[in-house]
Structures are given as C-alpha cells and as structure tokens.
PDB file of N, CA and C in Angstrom:
ATOM      1  N   UNK A   1       7.753  14.207   5.410  1.00  0.00           N
ATOM      2  CA  UNK A   1       6.746  14.092   6.561  1.00  0.00           C
ATOM      3  C   UNK A   1       6.448  15.210   6.673  1.00  0.00           C
ATOM      4  N   UNK A   2       4.633  15.717   5.910  1.00  0.00           N
ATOM      5  CA  UNK A   2       4.285  16.214   6.226  1.00  0.00           C
ATOM      6  C   UNK A   2       3.250  16.537   7.705  1.00  0.00           C
ATOM      7  N   UNK A   3       4.016  17.773   8.375  1.00  0.00           N
ATOM      8  CA  UNK A   3       3.782  18.555   9.153  1.00  0.00           C
ATOM      9  C   UNK A   3       2.404  18.534   9.554  1.00  0.00           C
ATOM     10  N   UNK A   4       1.336  18.509   8.757  1.00  0.00           N
ATOM     11  CA  UNK A   4       0.041  18.721   8.911  1.00  0.00           C
ATOM     12  C   UNK A   4      -0.492  17.387   8.917  1.00  0.00           C
ATOM     13  N   UNK A   5      -1.230  17.678  10.301  1.00  0.00           N
ATOM     14  CA  UNK A   5      -1.526  16.775  11.142  1.00  0.00           C
ATOM     15  C   UNK A   5      -3.278  16.194  10.373  1.00  0.00           C
ATOM     16  N   UNK A   6      -3.709  16.715   9.077  1.00  0.00           N
ATOM     17  CA  UNK A   6      -4.702  16.750   9.090  1.00  0.00           C
ATOM     18  C   UNK A   6      -5.176  15.822   7.692  1.00  0.00           C
ATOM     19  N   UNK A   7      -3.886  16.269   7.112  1.00  0.00           N
ATOM     20  CA  UNK A   7      -3.380  15.895   5.394  1.00  0.00           C
ATOM     21  C   UNK A   7      -2.912  13.779   5.125  1.00  0.00           C
ATOM     22  N   UNK A   8      -4.225  14.147   4.590  1.00  0.00           N
ATOM     23  CA  UNK A   8      -3.768  12.702   4.033  1.00  0.00           C
ATOM     24  C   UNK A   8      -3.746  11.816   4.780  1.00  0.00           C
ATOM     25  N   UNK A   9      -3.353  10.425   4.576  1.00  0.00           N
ATOM     26  CA  UNK A   9      -2.134   9.217   4.786  1.00  0.00           C
ATOM     27  C   UNK A   9      -2.115   8.790   4.061  1.00  0.00           C
ATOM     28  N   UNK A  10      -1.191   8.063   3.237  1.00  0.00           N
ATOM     29  CA  UNK A  10      -1.526   7.070   1.895  1.00  0.00           C
ATOM     30  C   UNK A  10      -0.043   5.863   2.439  1.00  0.00           C
ATOM     31  N   UNK A  11      -0.118   4.650   2.890  1.00  0.00           N
ATOM     32  CA  UNK A  11       0.863   3.535   3.244  1.00  0.00           C
ATOM     33  C   UNK A  11       1.192   2.857   1.455  1.00  0.00           C
ATOM     34  N   UNK A  12       2.695   3.566   1.206  1.00  0.00           N
ATOM     35  CA  UNK A  12       3.221   2.478   0.000  1.00  0.00           C
ATOM     36  C   UNK A  12       4.119   1.279   0.627  1.00  0.00           C
ATOM     37  N   UNK A  13       2.830   0.274   0.591  1.00  0.00           N
ATOM     38  CA  UNK A  13       3.957  -1.111   0.439  1.00  0.00           C
ATOM     39  C   UNK A  13       4.238  -2.321  -0.601  1.00  0.00           C
ATOM     40  N   UNK A  14       5.839  -1.668  -0.586  1.00  0.00           N
ATOM     41  CA  UNK A  14       6.787  -2.245  -1.621  1.00  0.00           C
ATOM     42  C   UNK A  14       7.906  -2.878  -1.289  1.00  0.00           C
ATOM     43  N   UNK A  15       8.367  -3.715  -1.055  1.00  0.00           N
ATOM     44  CA  UNK A  15       9.236  -3.750  -1.030  1.00  0.00           C
ATOM     45  C   UNK A  15      11.356  -3.689  -1.159  1.00  0.00           C
ATOM     46  N   UNK A  16      11.183  -2.374  -2.842  1.00  0.00           N
ATOM     47  CA  UNK A  16      11.802  -2.144  -3.415  1.00  0.00           C
ATOM     48  C   UNK A  16      12.737  -0.487  -2.751  1.00  0.00           C
ATOM     49  N   UNK A  17      13.352  -0.465  -2.190  1.00  0.00           N
ATOM     50  CA  UNK A  17      13.445   1.059  -0.947  1.00  0.00           C
ATOM     51  C   UNK A  17      14.048   1.779  -2.223  1.00  0.00           C
ATOM     52  N   UNK A  18      14.102   2.077  -3.510  1.00  0.00           N
ATOM     53  CA  UNK A  18      14.623   2.750  -4.836  1.00  0.00           C
ATOM     54  C   UNK A  18      12.936   3.113  -5.001  1.00  0.00           C
ATOM     55  N   UNK A  19      11.942   2.534  -4.923  1.00  0.00           N
ATOM     56  CA  UNK A  19      10.531   2.682  -5.737  1.00  0.00           C
ATOM     57  C   UNK A  19      10.576   3.339  -4.477  1.00  0.00           C
ATOM     58  N   UNK A  20      10.030   3.146  -3.649  1.00  0.00           N
ATOM     59  CA  UNK A  20       9.591   3.699  -2.445  1.00  0.00           C
ATOM     60  C   UNK A  20       9.711   5.089  -2.159  1.00  0.00           C
ATOM     61  N   UNK A  21      11.808   5.059  -3.030  1.00  0.00           N
ATOM     62  CA  UNK A  21      12.518   6.694  -2.128  1.00  0.00           C
ATOM     63  C   UNK A  21      12.062   7.217  -3.435  1.00  0.00           C
ATOM     64  N   UNK A  22      11.331   7.453  -4.497  1.00  0.00           N
ATOM     65  CA  UNK A  22      10.736   8.189  -5.286  1.00  0.00           C
ATOM     66  C   UNK A  22      10.018   7.874  -5.570  1.00  0.00           C
ATOM     67  N   UNK A  23       8.728   7.448  -4.923  1.00  0.00           N
ATOM     68  CA  UNK A  23       7.973   8.305  -5.053  1.00  0.00           C
ATOM     69  C   UNK A  23       6.804   8.807  -3.618  1.00  0.00           C
ATOM     70  N   UNK A  24       8.119   8.528  -2.711  1.00  0.00           N
ATOM     71  CA  UNK A  24       8.054   9.655  -1.539  1.00  0.00           C
ATOM     72  C   UNK A  24       7.949  10.925  -1.145  1.00  0.00           C
ATOM     73  N   UNK A  25       8.899  11.182  -2.350  1.00  0.00           N
ATOM     74  CA  UNK A  25       8.942  12.918  -1.986  1.00  0.00           C
ATOM     75  C   UNK A  25       7.287  12.907  -3.409  1.00  0.00           C
ATOM     76  N   UNK A  26       7.853  11.844  -4.587  1.00  0.00           N
ATOM     77  CA  UNK A  26       6.414  12.898  -5.222  1.00  0.00           C
ATOM     78  C   UNK A  26       5.351  13.376  -4.439  1.00  0.00           C
ATOM     79  N   UNK A  27       4.696  12.237  -3.484  1.00  0.00           N
ATOM     80  CA  UNK A  27       3.633  12.128  -2.997  1.00  0.00           C
ATOM     81  C   UNK A  27       3.769  13.485  -1.754  1.00  0.00           C
ATOM     82  N   UNK A  28       4.546  12.939  -1.174  1.00  0.00           N
ATOM     83  CA  UNK A  28       4.854  14.763  -0.383  1.00  0.00           C
ATOM     84  C   UNK A  28       4.952  15.573  -0.912  1.00  0.00           C
ATOM     85  N   UNK A  29       4.931  16.416  -2.336  1.00  0.00           N
ATOM     86  CA  UNK A  29       4.823  17.882  -2.599  1.00  0.00           C
ATOM     87  C   UNK A  29       3.070  16.921  -3.223  1.00  0.00           C
ATOM     88  N   UNK A  30       2.464  16.317  -2.818  1.00  0.00           N
ATOM     89  CA  UNK A  30       1.412  16.959  -3.312  1.00  0.00           C
ATOM     90  C   UNK A  30       0.084  16.845  -1.964  1.00  0.00           C
ATOM     91  N   UNK A  31       0.598  16.823  -1.440  1.00  0.00           N
ATOM     92  CA  UNK A  31       0.811  16.764   0.864  1.00  0.00           C
ATOM     93  C   UNK A  31       0.217  15.989   1.272  1.00  0.00           C
ATOM     94  N   UNK A  32       0.288  14.573   0.832  1.00  0.00           N
ATOM     95  CA  UNK A  32       0.493  13.371   1.268  1.00  0.00           C
ATOM     96  C   UNK A  32       1.610  13.451   2.540  1.00  0.00           C
ATOM     97  N   UNK A  33       0.413  12.544   3.381  1.00  0.00           N
ATOM     98  CA  UNK A  33       2.055  12.171   4.759  1.00  0.00           C
ATOM     99  C   UNK A  33       2.210  10.319   3.832  1.00  0.00           C
ATOM    100  N   UNK A  34       2.890   9.985   4.396  1.00  0.00           N
ATOM    101  CA  UNK A  34       3.229   8.587   3.574  1.00  0.00           C
ATOM    102  C   UNK A  34       4.264   8.675   4.889  1.00  0.00           C
ATOM    103  N   UNK A  35       3.748   7.087   4.725  1.00  0.00           N
ATOM    104  CA  UNK A  35       4.139   5.780   5.863  1.00  0.00           C
ATOM    105  C   UNK A  35       4.225   4.250   4.777  1.00  0.00           C
ATOM    106  N   UNK A  36       5.131   3.803   4.643  1.00  0.00           N
ATOM    107  CA  UNK A  36       6.256   2.678   3.601  1.00  0.00           C
ATOM    108  C   UNK A  36       6.276   1.478   5.480  1.00  0.00           C
ATOM    109  N   UNK A  37       6.180   0.460   4.479  1.00  0.00           N
ATOM    110  CA  UNK A  37       5.567  -0.808   4.488  1.00  0.00           C
ATOM    111  C   UNK A  37       6.772  -1.701   3.894  1.00  0.00           C
ATOM    112  N   UNK A  38       7.604  -2.379   3.903  1.00  0.00           N
ATOM    113  CA  UNK A  38       8.059  -3.345   3.490  1.00  0.00           C
ATOM    114  C   UNK A  38       8.285  -4.319   3.111  1.00  0.00           C
ATOM    115  N   UNK A  39       6.673  -4.690   3.297  1.00  0.00           N
ATOM    116  CA  UNK A  39       5.855  -6.361   2.682  1.00  0.00           C
ATOM    117  C   UNK A  39       5.171  -5.851   2.911  1.00  0.00           C
ATOM    118  N   UNK A  40       3.921  -7.231   2.353  1.00  0.00           N
ATOM    119  CA  UNK A  40       2.983  -7.388   3.060  1.00  0.00           C
ATOM    120  C   UNK A  40       2.311  -7.614   4.853  1.00  0.00           C
ATOM    121  N   UNK A  41       2.939  -7.998   5.306  1.00  0.00           N
ATOM    122  CA  UNK A  41       2.634  -8.417   6.599  1.00  0.00           C
ATOM    123  C   UNK A  41       3.497  -6.903   7.971  1.00  0.00           C
ATOM    124  N   UNK A  42       4.063  -6.058   7.291  1.00  0.00           N
ATOM    125  CA  UNK A  42       4.514  -5.296   8.113  1.00  0.00           C
ATOM    126  C   UNK A  42       3.708  -3.660   7.756  1.00  0.00           C
ATOM    127  N   UNK A  43       3.162  -4.008   6.192  1.00  0.00           N
ATOM    128  CA  UNK A  43       1.930  -2.937   6.172  1.00  0.00           C
ATOM    129  C   UNK A  43       0.631  -3.666   6.983  1.00  0.00           C
ATOM    130  N   UNK A  44       0.737  -4.649   7.156  1.00  0.00           N
ATOM    131  CA  UNK A  44      -0.758  -4.792   7.530  1.00  0.00           C
ATOM    132  C   UNK A  44      -1.339  -4.948   9.197  1.00  0.00           C
ATOM    133  N   UNK A  45      -0.179  -4.530   9.823  1.00  0.00           N
ATOM    134  CA  UNK A  45      -0.134  -5.081  11.350  1.00  0.00           C
ATOM    135  C   UNK A  45       0.176  -3.032  11.316  1.00  0.00           C
ATOM    136  N   UNK A  46       0.656  -2.254  10.547  1.00  0.00           N
ATOM    137  CA  UNK A  46       0.341  -0.899  10.632  1.00  0.00           C
ATOM    138  C   UNK A  46      -0.524  -0.162  10.272  1.00  0.00           C
ATOM    139  N   UNK A  47      -1.957  -1.096   9.732  1.00  0.00           N
ATOM    140  CA  UNK A  47      -2.821  -0.316   9.650  1.00  0.00           C
ATOM    141  C   UNK A  47      -3.534   0.317  10.395  1.00  0.00           C
ATOM    142  N   UNK A  48      -3.864  -0.545  11.467  1.00  0.00           N
ATOM    143  CA  UNK A  48      -4.326   0.230  12.839  1.00  0.00           C
ATOM    144  C   UNK A  48      -3.612   1.810  13.519  1.00  0.00           C
ATOM    145  N   UNK A  49      -2.205   1.296  13.382  1.00  0.00           N
ATOM    146  CA  UNK A  49      -2.112   3.005  13.393  1.00  0.00           C
ATOM    147  C   UNK A  49      -1.420   3.693  12.793  1.00  0.00           C
ATOM    148  N   UNK A  50      -2.045   3.791  11.699  1.00  0.00           N
ATOM    149  CA  UNK A  50      -1.060   4.485  10.557  1.00  0.00           C
ATOM    150  C   UNK A  50      -2.765   4.678   9.688  1.00  0.00           C
ATOM    151  N   UNK A  51      -3.896   4.205   9.554  1.00  0.00           N
ATOM    152  CA  UNK A  51      -5.114   4.245   9.239  1.00  0.00           C
ATOM    153  C   UNK A  51      -5.402   4.617   7.519  1.00  0.00           C
ATOM    154  N   UNK A  52      -4.180   4.189   6.623  1.00  0.00           N
ATOM    155  CA  UNK A  52      -4.396   5.231   5.469  1.00  0.00           C
ATOM    156  C   UNK A  52      -5.378   5.458   4.743  1.00  0.00           C
ATOM    157  N   UNK A  53      -5.326   7.052   4.049  1.00  0.00           N
ATOM    158  CA  UNK A  53      -7.210   7.112   3.065  1.00  0.00           C
ATOM    159  C   UNK A  53      -6.456   6.171   1.854  1.00  0.00           C
ATOM    160  N   UNK A  54      -5.167   5.419   1.963  1.00  0.00           N
ATOM    161  CA  UNK A  54      -5.239   4.667  -0.061  1.00  0.00           C
ATOM    162  C   UNK A  54      -4.091   4.346   0.390  1.00  0.00           C
ATOM    163  N   UNK A  55      -3.470   3.460   0.001  1.00  0.00           N
ATOM    164  CA  UNK A  55      -2.309   1.966   0.241  1.00  0.00           C
ATOM    165  C   UNK A  55      -2.279   2.044  -1.616  1.00  0.00           C
ATOM    166  N   UNK A  56      -0.841   2.345  -1.050  1.00  0.00           N
ATOM    167  CA  UNK A  56      -0.357   2.153  -2.642  1.00  0.00           C
ATOM    168  C   UNK A  56       0.951   0.775  -2.254  1.00  0.00           C
ATOM    169  N   UNK A  57       0.772  -0.175  -4.176  1.00  0.00           N
ATOM    170  CA  UNK A  57       0.660  -1.462  -3.098  1.00  0.00           C
ATOM    171  C   UNK A  57       1.432  -2.767  -4.333  1.00  0.00           C
ATOM    172  N   UNK A  58       2.680  -3.255  -4.256  1.00  0.00           N
ATOM    173  CA  UNK A  58       3.060  -4.055  -4.530  1.00  0.00           C
ATOM    174  C   UNK A  58       2.778  -5.307  -5.080  1.00  0.00           C
ATOM    175  N   UNK A  59       2.727  -5.599  -6.034  1.00  0.00           N
ATOM    176  CA  UNK A  59       2.244  -7.580  -6.022  1.00  0.00           C
ATOM    177  C   UNK A  59       3.144  -8.348  -6.142  1.00  0.00           C
ATOM    178  N   UNK A  60       4.475  -8.158  -6.059  1.00  0.00           N
ATOM    179  CA  UNK A  60       5.601  -9.048  -5.784  1.00  0.00           C
ATOM    180  C   UNK A  60       6.580  -8.907  -4.538  1.00  0.00           C
ATOM    181  N   UNK A  61       6.529  -9.834  -3.566  1.00  0.00           N
ATOM    182  CA  UNK A  61       7.064  -8.496  -2.454  1.00  0.00           C
ATOM    183  C   UNK A  61       7.158  -9.906  -1.885  1.00  0.00           C
ATOM    184  N   UNK A  62       8.589 -10.307  -1.103  1.00  0.00           N
ATOM    185  CA  UNK A  62       8.897 -11.120   0.748  1.00  0.00           C
ATOM    186  C   UNK A  62       7.927 -11.544   0.821  1.00  0.00           C
ATOM    187  N   UNK A  63       8.253 -12.403   2.366  1.00  0.00           N
ATOM    188  CA  UNK A  63       7.219 -12.472   3.084  1.00  0.00           C
ATOM    189  C   UNK A  63       5.440 -12.742   3.457  1.00  0.00           C
ATOM    190  N   UNK A  64       4.994 -11.760   2.291  1.00  0.00           N
ATOM    191  CA  UNK A  64       3.913 -11.753   1.681  1.00  0.00           C
ATOM    192  C   UNK A  64       3.269 -10.627   0.846  1.00  0.00           C
ATOM    193  N   UNK A  65       2.752 -11.028  -0.193  1.00  0.00           N
ATOM    194  CA  UNK A  65       2.588 -10.766  -0.985  1.00  0.00           C
ATOM    195  C   UNK A  65       1.992  -9.407  -1.664  1.00  0.00           C
ATOM    196  N   UNK A  66       1.568  -9.361  -2.694  1.00  0.00           N
ATOM    197  CA  UNK A  66       0.468  -8.084  -2.470  1.00  0.00           C
ATOM    198  C   UNK A  66      -0.629  -8.963  -2.865  1.00  0.00           C
ATOM    199  N   UNK A  67      -0.882  -9.710  -2.910  1.00  0.00           N
ATOM    200  CA  UNK A  67      -2.692 -10.425  -3.340  1.00  0.00           C
ATOM    201  C   UNK A  67      -2.575 -10.716  -2.054  1.00  0.00           C
ATOM    202  N   UNK A  68      -2.053 -11.545  -0.914  1.00  0.00           N
ATOM    203  CA  UNK A  68      -1.828 -11.966  -0.283  1.00  0.00           C
ATOM    204  C   UNK A  68      -2.445 -10.835   1.118  1.00  0.00           C
ATOM    205  N   UNK A  69      -1.115  -9.532   0.698  1.00  0.00           N
ATOM    206  CA  UNK A  69      -2.037  -7.908   1.008  1.00  0.00           C
ATOM    207  C   UNK A  69      -4.119  -8.226   1.271  1.00  0.00           C
ATOM    208  N   UNK A  70      -3.426  -8.076  -0.088  1.00  0.00           N
ATOM    209  CA  UNK A  70      -4.967  -7.811  -0.209  1.00  0.00           C
ATOM    210  C   UNK A  70      -6.533  -8.041   0.119  1.00  0.00           C
ATOM    211  N   UNK A  71      -5.838 -10.245   0.285  1.00  0.00           N
ATOM    212  CA  UNK A  71      -6.532  -9.890   1.205  1.00  0.00           C
ATOM    213  C   UNK A  71      -7.107 -10.011   2.353  1.00  0.00           C
ATOM    214  N   UNK A  72      -5.650  -9.974   2.682  1.00  0.00           N
ATOM    215  CA  UNK A  72      -5.959 -10.127   4.250  1.00  0.00           C
ATOM    216  C   UNK A  72      -6.768  -8.793   4.116  1.00  0.00           C
ATOM    217  N   UNK A  73      -6.976  -7.100   3.930  1.00  0.00           N
ATOM    218  CA  UNK A  73      -7.591  -6.361   3.479  1.00  0.00           C
ATOM    219  C   UNK A  73      -9.051  -5.653   3.614  1.00  0.00           C
ATOM    220  N   UNK A  74      -9.518  -7.194   2.871  1.00  0.00           N
ATOM    221  CA  UNK A  74     -10.647  -7.270   2.220  1.00  0.00           C
ATOM    222  C   UNK A  74     -11.795  -8.310   3.566  1.00  0.00           C
ATOM    223  N   UNK A  75     -10.906  -8.932   4.790  1.00  0.00           N
ATOM    224  CA  UNK A  75     -11.085  -9.704   5.217  1.00  0.00           C
ATOM    225  C   UNK A  75     -11.744  -8.791   6.822  1.00  0.00           C
ATOM    226  N   UNK A  76     -11.289  -7.607   6.737  1.00  0.00           N
ATOM    227  CA  UNK A  76     -11.562  -6.500   7.549  1.00  0.00           C
ATOM    228  C   UNK A  76     -12.481  -5.853   7.002  1.00  0.00           C
ATOM    229  N   UNK A  77     -13.901  -5.761   7.842  1.00  0.00           N
ATOM    230  CA  UNK A  77     -14.687  -4.361   7.583  1.00  0.00           C
ATOM    231  C   UNK A  77     -14.228  -3.267   7.286  1.00  0.00           C
ATOM    232  N   UNK A  78     -13.734  -2.892   8.585  1.00  0.00           N
ATOM    233  CA  UNK A  78     -12.895  -1.417   8.975  1.00  0.00           C
ATOM    234  C   UNK A  78     -11.578  -1.700   7.894  1.00  0.00           C
ATOM    235  N   UNK A  79     -11.358  -2.026   6.778  1.00  0.00           N
ATOM    236  CA  UNK A  79     -10.111  -1.425   6.065  1.00  0.00           C
ATOM    237  C   UNK A  79     -10.557  -1.363   4.768  1.00  0.00           C
ATOM    238  N   UNK A  80     -11.930  -2.867   4.393  1.00  0.00           N
ATOM    239  CA  UNK A  80     -12.100  -3.399   3.188  1.00  0.00           C
ATOM    240  C   UNK A  80     -12.148  -2.294   2.211  1.00  0.00           C
ATOM    241  N   UNK A  81     -12.855  -0.445   3.331  1.00  0.00           N
ATOM    242  CA  UNK A  81     -13.022   0.334   2.414  1.00  0.00           C
ATOM    243  C   UNK A  81     -11.572   1.117   1.794  1.00  0.00           C
ATOM    244  N   UNK A  82     -10.632   0.548   2.182  1.00  0.00           N
ATOM    245  CA  UNK A  82      -9.371   1.829   1.431  1.00  0.00           C
ATOM    246  C   UNK A  82      -9.332   1.154  -0.044  1.00  0.00           C
ATOM    247  N   UNK A  83      -9.204   2.190  -0.384  1.00  0.00           N
ATOM    248  CA  UNK A  83      -8.359   2.524  -1.506  1.00  0.00           C
ATOM    249  C   UNK A  83      -7.401   1.848  -1.924  1.00  0.00           C
ATOM    250  N   UNK A  84      -6.906   0.647  -2.897  1.00  0.00           N
ATOM    251  CA  UNK A  84      -5.644   0.189  -3.050  1.00  0.00           C
ATOM    252  C   UNK A  84      -5.194  -0.206  -4.153  1.00  0.00           C
ATOM    253  N   UNK A  85      -4.004   0.856  -4.922  1.00  0.00           N
ATOM    254  CA  UNK A  85      -3.565   0.637  -6.058  1.00  0.00           C
ATOM    255  C   UNK A  85      -2.309   0.041  -6.224  1.00  0.00           C
ATOM    256  N   UNK A  86      -2.229  -0.826  -7.060  1.00  0.00           N
ATOM    257  CA  UNK A  86      -1.756  -1.763  -7.169  1.00  0.00           C
ATOM    258  C   UNK A  86      -0.359  -1.375  -8.191  1.00  0.00           C
ATOM    259  N   UNK A  87       0.640  -1.656  -8.281  1.00  0.00           N
ATOM    260  CA  UNK A  87       1.216  -0.899  -8.406  1.00  0.00           C
ATOM    261  C   UNK A  87       2.445  -2.742  -8.396  1.00  0.00           C
ATOM    262  N   UNK A  88       2.533  -2.830 -10.344  1.00  0.00           N
ATOM    263  CA  UNK A  88       3.774  -3.578 -10.520  1.00  0.00           C
ATOM    264  C   UNK A  88       4.269  -4.157 -11.519  1.00  0.00           C
ATOM    265  N   UNK A  89       5.028  -4.121 -11.840  1.00  0.00           N
ATOM    266  CA  UNK A  89       5.966  -4.402 -13.142  1.00  0.00           C
ATOM    267  C   UNK A  89       5.262  -6.462 -13.746  1.00  0.00           C
ATOM    268  N   UNK A  90       5.079  -6.914 -13.185  1.00  0.00           N
ATOM    269  CA  UNK A  90       4.246  -8.201 -13.427  1.00  0.00           C
ATOM    270  C   UNK A  90       3.038  -8.508 -14.309  1.00  0.00           C
ATOM    271  N   UNK A  91       3.933  -8.636 -15.481  1.00  0.00           N
ATOM    272  CA  UNK A  91       2.235  -9.754 -16.262  1.00  0.00           C
ATOM    273  C   UNK A  91       0.980 -10.264 -15.520  1.00  0.00           C
ATOM    274  N   UNK A  92       0.140  -9.769 -15.080  1.00  0.00           N
ATOM    275  CA  UNK A  92      -1.288 -10.531 -14.940  1.00  0.00           C
ATOM    276  C   UNK A  92      -1.476 -11.780 -15.438  1.00  0.00           C
ATOM    277  N   UNK A  93      -2.258 -12.323 -14.740  1.00  0.00           N
ATOM    278  CA  UNK A  93      -3.260 -13.424 -16.008  1.00  0.00           C
ATOM    279  C   UNK A  93      -4.912 -12.495 -15.708  1.00  0.00           C
ATOM    280  N   UNK A  94      -5.653 -13.049 -16.397  1.00  0.00           N
ATOM    281  CA  UNK A  94      -7.000 -12.981 -16.295  1.00  0.00           C
ATOM    282  C   UNK A  94      -7.473 -13.465 -14.819  1.00  0.00           C
ATOM    283  N   UNK A  95      -6.871 -14.408 -13.963  1.00  0.00           N
ATOM    284  CA  UNK A  95      -7.171 -15.069 -12.759  1.00  0.00           C
ATOM    285  C   UNK A  95      -6.473 -14.582 -11.750  1.00  0.00           C
ATOM    286  N   UNK A  96      -5.388 -13.681 -12.292  1.00  0.00           N
ATOM    287  CA  UNK A  96      -4.837 -12.681 -10.950  1.00  0.00           C
ATOM    288  C   UNK A  96      -5.810 -11.455 -10.834  1.00  0.00           C
ATOM    289  N   UNK A  97      -6.782 -10.563 -12.531  1.00  0.00           N
ATOM    290  CA  UNK A  97      -6.787  -9.422 -12.334  1.00  0.00           C
ATOM    291  C   UNK A  97      -7.773  -9.924 -11.586  1.00  0.00           C
ATOM    292  N   UNK A  98      -8.747 -10.966 -11.438  1.00  0.00           N
ATOM    293  CA  UNK A  98      -9.919 -11.569 -10.434  1.00  0.00           C
ATOM    294  C   UNK A  98      -9.889 -11.412  -9.454  1.00  0.00           C
ATOM    295  N   UNK A  99      -8.443 -11.694  -9.330  1.00  0.00           N
ATOM    296  CA  UNK A  99      -8.609 -12.048  -8.220  1.00  0.00           C
ATOM    297  C   UNK A  99      -8.043 -10.843  -7.130  1.00  0.00           C
ATOM    298  N   UNK A 100      -8.111 -10.264  -7.885  1.00  0.00           N
ATOM    299  CA  UNK A 100      -7.490  -8.472  -7.651  1.00  0.00           C
ATOM    300  C   UNK A 100      -8.986  -8.040  -7.215  1.00  0.00           C
ATOM    301  N   UNK A 101      -9.801  -8.473  -7.833  1.00  0.00           N
ATOM    302  CA  UNK A 101     -10.640  -7.457  -7.926  1.00  0.00           C
ATOM    303  C   UNK A 101     -11.575  -7.677  -6.927  1.00  0.00           C
TER     304      UNK A 101
END
C-alpha cells in the first residue's frame, strides 16, 4: 500500500483473488492506494472509511453483484460522483448496459 497519505485511493471490488492480486501491484506502481473488497456488500461497507477516488468493479460476484453495488452507490449523493470502471468478462445485454448507465 502507498505510504503517501495524499495518494489517490482506488477501491477494487472483485471476488476473484487472482484478479485483485494482478491489479494491486500495477495500480500501486502508478501511485494509487489500493483497497480491496471481495463482493459488493463488503465494498459498500468500506466506502465511508475508504472514500475512494475511483472504483474498479466486477459485475459477477456472490453476495452482492456489481449491478446491485452500482445501484446502491447511485442512491447516495456523496457516493454518486465516484467514477466506476466496470471490469467483466460477461457479455452485456443492451438492458444491462442501460442499467449501468
């Protein structure tokens, strides 16, 4: 984790430990402070303490998927402005794309 208290914070919400393990060093090398959550529910619980500048979000996860996470994020005025980058191997239907937008 970055020792710079002013480094931008990124919340990686992905249930796959291997994916998180690949992303972490790449993001840290670019100066990000990386915080990980293994599902959407944990990610939501972490938001107030992390106050991320960006969320990298997997869509297909147990407990709470990325669609539900994004929906909850959008309900809160304080979190709505956080940029979210969706990472998925899932082929999205037009309805799913609309839902994310």
